[in-house]
Protein backbone atom coordinates (compact mmCIF):
# COMPACT_ATOMS: atom_id res chain seq x y z
CA UNK A 1 0.00 0.00 0.00
CA UNK A 2 1.29 3.45 -0.95
CA UNK A 3 0.30 5.92 1.76
CA UNK A 4 0.24 9.71 1.81
CA UNK A 5 -1.21 12.44 4.01
CA UNK A 6 -2.49 15.78 2.74
CA UNK A 7 -3.29 18.68 5.07
CA UNK A 8 -5.33 21.70 4.05
CA UNK A 9 -3.26 24.90 4.09
CA UNK A 10 -4.84 28.13 5.22
CA UNK A 11 -2.51 31.16 5.58
CA UNK A 12 -4.26 32.55 8.65
CA UNK A 13 -4.03 29.15 10.34
CA UNK A 14 -0.32 28.51 9.87
CA UNK A 15 0.02 27.51 13.52
CA UNK A 16 -2.77 24.94 13.07
CA UNK A 17 -1.00 23.44 10.06
CA UNK A 18 2.23 23.26 12.07
CA UNK A 19 0.48 21.38 14.88
CA UNK A 20 -1.32 18.98 12.53
CA UNK A 21 1.86 18.06 10.65
CA UNK A 22 4.04 17.93 13.75
CA UNK A 23 1.55 15.77 15.67
CA UNK A 24 1.59 13.22 12.83
CA UNK A 25 5.38 13.10 12.90
CA UNK A 26 5.54 12.96 16.69
CA UNK A 27 3.27 9.91 16.80
CA UNK A 28 5.26 7.51 14.68
CA UNK A 29 6.06 9.16 11.33
CA UNK A 30 9.64 10.31 11.82
CA UNK A 31 10.62 10.76 8.18
CA UNK A 32 7.95 12.86 6.44
CA UNK A 33 9.86 13.09 3.16
CA UNK A 34 9.72 9.31 2.80
CA UNK A 35 6.14 9.08 3.97
CA UNK A 36 4.79 11.96 1.86
CA UNK A 37 3.06 14.54 4.04
CA UNK A 38 2.01 17.52 1.95
CA UNK A 39 -0.08 20.64 2.18
CA UNK A 40 -2.99 21.36 -0.15
CA UNK A 41 -2.13 24.91 -1.24
CA UNK A 42 -4.49 26.93 -3.39
CA UNK A 43 -1.65 28.92 -4.98
CA UNK A 44 0.15 25.71 -5.98
CA UNK A 45 -3.01 24.19 -7.45
CA UNK A 46 -3.68 27.31 -9.49
CA UNK A 47 -0.09 27.34 -10.74
CA UNK A 48 -0.46 23.73 -11.84
CA UNK A 49 -3.78 24.57 -13.53
CA UNK A 50 -5.66 22.08 -11.37
CA UNK A 51 -7.95 24.60 -9.68
CA UNK A 52 -9.83 27.38 -11.40
CA UNK A 53 -13.07 27.67 -9.43
CA UNK A 54 -14.04 31.35 -9.29
CA UNK A 55 -14.25 32.88 -5.84
CA UNK A 56 -14.54 36.39 -4.48
CA UNK A 57 -13.89 38.25 -1.24
CA UNK A 58 -16.82 39.68 0.71
CA UNK A 59 -15.35 41.61 3.59
CA UNK A 60 -13.28 39.11 5.57
CA UNK A 61 -15.13 36.15 4.02
CA UNK A 62 -14.10 34.05 1.03
CA UNK A 63 -17.09 33.34 -1.22
CA UNK A 64 -17.45 30.43 -3.66
CA UNK A 65 -19.16 31.92 -6.70
CA UNK A 66 -20.36 28.58 -8.13
CA UNK A 67 -22.07 27.61 -4.89
CA UNK A 68 -23.04 31.19 -4.02
CA UNK A 69 -21.97 30.31 -0.49
CA UNK A 70 -19.19 31.25 1.95
CA UNK A 71 -15.93 29.31 2.11
CA UNK A 72 -14.47 29.00 5.62
CA UNK A 73 -11.07 28.02 4.21
CA UNK A 74 -9.13 28.11 0.94
CA UNK A 75 -9.24 24.31 0.81
CA UNK A 76 -13.03 24.02 1.13
CA UNK A 77 -13.29 22.48 -2.35
CA UNK A 78 -9.67 21.84 -3.32
CA UNK A 79 -9.46 18.91 -0.87
CA UNK A 80 -11.26 16.81 -3.46
CA UNK A 81 -8.24 17.12 -5.77
CA UNK A 82 -6.18 14.88 -3.49
CA UNK A 83 -6.72 11.69 -5.58
CA UNK A 84 -5.67 13.62 -8.71
CA UNK A 85 -2.59 14.95 -6.90
CA UNK A 86 -1.61 11.46 -5.78
CA UNK A 87 -1.87 10.17 -9.34
CA UNK A 88 0.24 13.06 -10.65
CA UNK A 89 2.90 12.76 -7.97
CA UNK A 90 3.34 8.97 -7.67
CA UNK A 91 4.92 6.44 -9.99
CA UNK A 92 2.82 5.59 -13.08
CA UNK A 93 1.12 2.24 -12.88
CA UNK A 94 1.36 2.00 -9.10
CA UNK A 95 -1.80 0.49 -7.62
CA UNK A 96 -3.26 0.29 -4.12
CA UNK A 97 -2.72 3.96 -3.35
CA UNK A 98 -4.43 5.37 -0.27
CA UNK A 99 -4.40 9.01 0.81
CA UNK A 100 -5.66 10.81 3.89
CA UNK A 101 -6.91 14.36 3.59
CA UNK A 102 -7.40 16.26 6.82
CA UNK A 103 -8.27 19.83 7.74
CA UNK A 104 -5.42 21.77 9.31
CA UNK A 105 -7.26 22.51 12.57
CA UNK A 106 -6.55 19.04 13.92
CA UNK A 107 -4.37 17.36 16.52
CA UNK A 108 -3.30 13.79 15.75
CA UNK A 109 -2.86 11.77 18.95
CA UNK A 110 -1.89 8.34 17.61
CA UNK A 111 0.11 6.68 14.84
CA UNK A 112 -1.61 7.68 11.59
CA UNK A 113 -0.76 4.23 10.22
CA UNK A 114 -3.63 2.91 12.34
CA UNK A 115 -6.00 4.88 10.11
CA UNK A 116 -4.54 3.34 6.96
CA UNK A 117 -4.81 -0.08 8.59
CA UNK A 118 -8.59 0.47 8.81
CA UNK A 119 -8.84 0.82 5.02
CA UNK A 120 -11.55 -1.28 3.36
CA UNK A 121 -10.57 -1.91 -0.29
CA UNK A 122 -14.23 -2.28 -1.30
CA UNK A 123 -14.87 1.40 -0.44
CA UNK A 124 -13.93 4.43 -2.54
CA UNK A 125 -13.61 6.70 0.48
CA UNK A 126 -13.91 6.28 4.24
CA UNK A 127 -15.09 8.98 6.65
CA UNK A 128 -16.59 9.54 10.09
CA UNK A 129 -20.30 9.94 9.34
CA UNK A 130 -21.17 12.87 11.58
CA UNK A 131 -24.65 14.23 12.13
CA UNK A 132 -23.34 17.78 12.56
CA UNK A 133 -26.06 20.43 12.22
CA UNK A 134 -24.79 23.81 13.45
CA UNK A 135 -27.01 26.85 13.29
CA UNK A 136 -26.91 28.26 9.76
CA UNK A 137 -25.43 31.74 9.60
CA UNK A 138 -23.74 31.57 12.99
CA UNK A 139 -20.10 32.60 13.34
CA UNK A 140 -17.09 30.35 13.91
CA UNK A 141 -13.30 30.62 13.89
CA UNK A 142 -12.22 34.23 13.29
CA UNK A 143 -15.50 35.61 11.99
CA UNK A 144 -16.28 33.00 9.32
CA UNK A 145 -19.92 32.29 8.51
CA UNK A 146 -21.15 28.86 9.58
CA UNK A 147 -23.14 26.99 6.93
CA UNK A 148 -25.32 23.87 7.08
CA UNK A 149 -25.19 21.31 4.31
CA UNK A 150 -25.70 17.59 3.87
CA UNK A 151 -23.01 15.43 5.48
CA UNK A 152 -21.25 18.37 7.08
CA UNK A 153 -17.75 17.53 8.34
CA UNK A 154 -17.70 14.10 6.71
CA UNK A 155 -15.02 15.42 4.34
CA UNK A 156 -12.83 16.99 7.03
CA UNK A 157 -11.03 13.63 7.36
CA UNK A 158 -11.14 11.53 4.19
CA UNK A 159 -9.35 8.24 3.60
CA UNK A 160 -9.32 8.05 -0.19
CA UNK A 161 -8.93 4.74 -2.06
CA UNK A 162 -7.23 6.51 -4.95
CA UNK A 163 -7.35 3.61 -7.42
CA UNK A 164 -10.95 2.58 -6.77
CA UNK A 165 -12.79 2.59 -10.13
CA UNK A 166 -15.58 4.78 -8.78
CA UNK A 167 -13.11 7.57 -8.06
CA UNK A 168 -12.38 7.92 -11.76
CA UNK A 169 -15.51 10.11 -11.77
CA UNK A 170 -13.81 12.53 -9.36
CA UNK A 171 -12.16 14.46 -12.16
CA UNK A 172 -10.42 17.81 -12.01
CA UNK A 173 -13.26 19.26 -14.09
CA UNK A 174 -15.86 17.98 -11.61
CA UNK A 175 -14.05 19.57 -8.68
CA UNK A 176 -13.96 22.88 -10.51
CA UNK A 177 -17.54 23.02 -11.78
CA UNK A 178 -20.10 21.57 -9.33
CA UNK A 179 -21.39 23.28 -6.18
CA UNK A 180 -19.29 22.66 -3.10
CA UNK A 181 -22.23 21.13 -1.23
CA UNK A 182 -22.36 18.37 -3.88
CA UNK A 183 -18.67 17.61 -3.46
CA UNK A 184 -19.02 17.45 0.32
CA UNK A 185 -21.92 15.03 -0.17
CA UNK A 186 -19.65 12.80 -2.32
CA UNK A 187 -21.93 13.25 -5.30
CA UNK A 188 -19.80 11.05 -7.58
CA UNK A 189 -20.30 7.97 -5.37
CA UNK A 190 -23.13 5.60 -4.55
CA UNK A 191 -23.73 5.62 -0.80
CA UNK A 192 -22.57 2.02 -0.36
CA UNK A 193 -19.10 3.05 -1.55
CA UNK A 194 -18.67 5.49 1.35
CA UNK A 195 -17.14 3.51 4.19
CA UNK A 196 -17.47 4.44 7.85
CA UNK A 197 -14.60 5.16 10.23
CA UNK A 198 -14.91 5.04 14.00
CA UNK A 199 -15.75 8.36 15.71
CA UNK A 200 -12.29 8.53 17.26
CA UNK A 201 -10.87 9.51 13.85
CA UNK A 202 -12.60 12.89 13.72
CA UNK A 203 -13.62 14.08 17.16
CA UNK A 204 -15.39 17.44 16.83
CA UNK A 205 -14.56 19.58 19.85
CA UNK A 206 -17.77 20.88 21.37
CA UNK A 207 -19.99 18.70 19.17
CA UNK A 208 -19.05 15.01 19.19
CA UNK A 209 -20.31 12.59 21.79
CA UNK A 210 -17.68 11.58 24.31
CA UNK A 211 -14.93 9.33 22.96
CA UNK A 212 -12.58 7.72 25.47
CA UNK A 213 -9.39 8.58 23.59
CA UNK A 214 -9.84 10.45 20.31
CA UNK A 215 -7.23 9.61 17.69
CA UNK A 216 -7.77 12.91 15.84
CA UNK A 217 -9.13 15.96 17.64
CA UNK A 218 -10.79 18.50 15.33
CA UNK A 219 -11.09 22.10 16.51
CA UNK A 220 -13.83 22.75 13.97
CA UNK A 221 -15.18 25.94 15.57
CA UNK A 222 -11.76 27.49 16.19
CA UNK A 223 -8.21 26.59 17.19
CA UNK A 224 -7.01 27.43 20.72
CA UNK A 225 -5.09 30.46 19.41
CA UNK A 226 -8.37 32.15 18.42
CA UNK A 227 -10.32 34.37 20.79
CA UNK A 228 -13.07 32.48 22.55
CA UNK A 229 -11.50 29.03 22.08
CA UNK A 230 -8.53 29.33 24.44
CA UNK A 231 -10.09 26.98 27.01
CA UNK A 232 -11.82 24.43 24.77
CA UNK A 233 -11.25 20.69 25.09
CA UNK A 234 -7.67 19.59 24.34
CA UNK A 235 -6.50 23.22 24.12
CA UNK A 236 -3.56 22.65 26.46
CA UNK A 237 -2.47 19.56 24.53
CA UNK A 238 -2.67 21.54 21.28
CA UNK A 239 -0.52 24.34 22.76
CA UNK A 240 2.04 21.84 24.00
CA UNK A 241 2.27 20.40 20.50
CA UNK A 242 2.79 23.89 19.07
CA UNK A 243 5.53 24.62 21.62
CA UNK A 244 7.17 21.29 20.85
CA UNK A 245 7.12 22.09 17.12
CA UNK A 246 8.68 25.52 17.76
CA UNK A 247 11.50 24.03 19.85
CA UNK A 248 12.57 21.47 17.23
């Protein structure tokens, strides 16, 4: 199995990206260059002509023009290019490729190889199937508009079976032309091809039911560096990880 990890990059959340990447490395992945841990950068995708979705700026809010809806992050839709990126960046003809995409506002608390070990080859993608229904129009993070849509937060941790035949429909054109809510609902897949991960793999701080020892903690409303989230669950552990990253 060829394994890779892709983390959404958001300039205003550089500290979150540092913690996410560092926490993966600190829990068993000591050689990231060999393992392939990469950021999903909008500027890089545009340079490579893989992302051309039109978006605009409305005050402090990014706006996806196709969806006519706010984008909380630059990687709101570009995450779905991960299978295409894997195919472009790995050896031609290589099969059995699996890739994890994760939002940057996460703290990994275990060996990420355990997530790959849970892979079911019959599924095209595997996710934690949340029933997350925040109030539409409320505010999260640093003033971003909260939106409700089908299967919200399912795509914040995705284990992609890159070579599954059904994922051939997840083309670069599709990612760039359909509404974001359709992508987040995995519109290119039949429901039985969406596998389910245990809730420990995407624990939503302030929303998920109690999990004894979350493997991935997701600060979906705001990271502990943001005003109002300094004392949320796992905030001290997140800050320790950031300090540890800074001291290396």
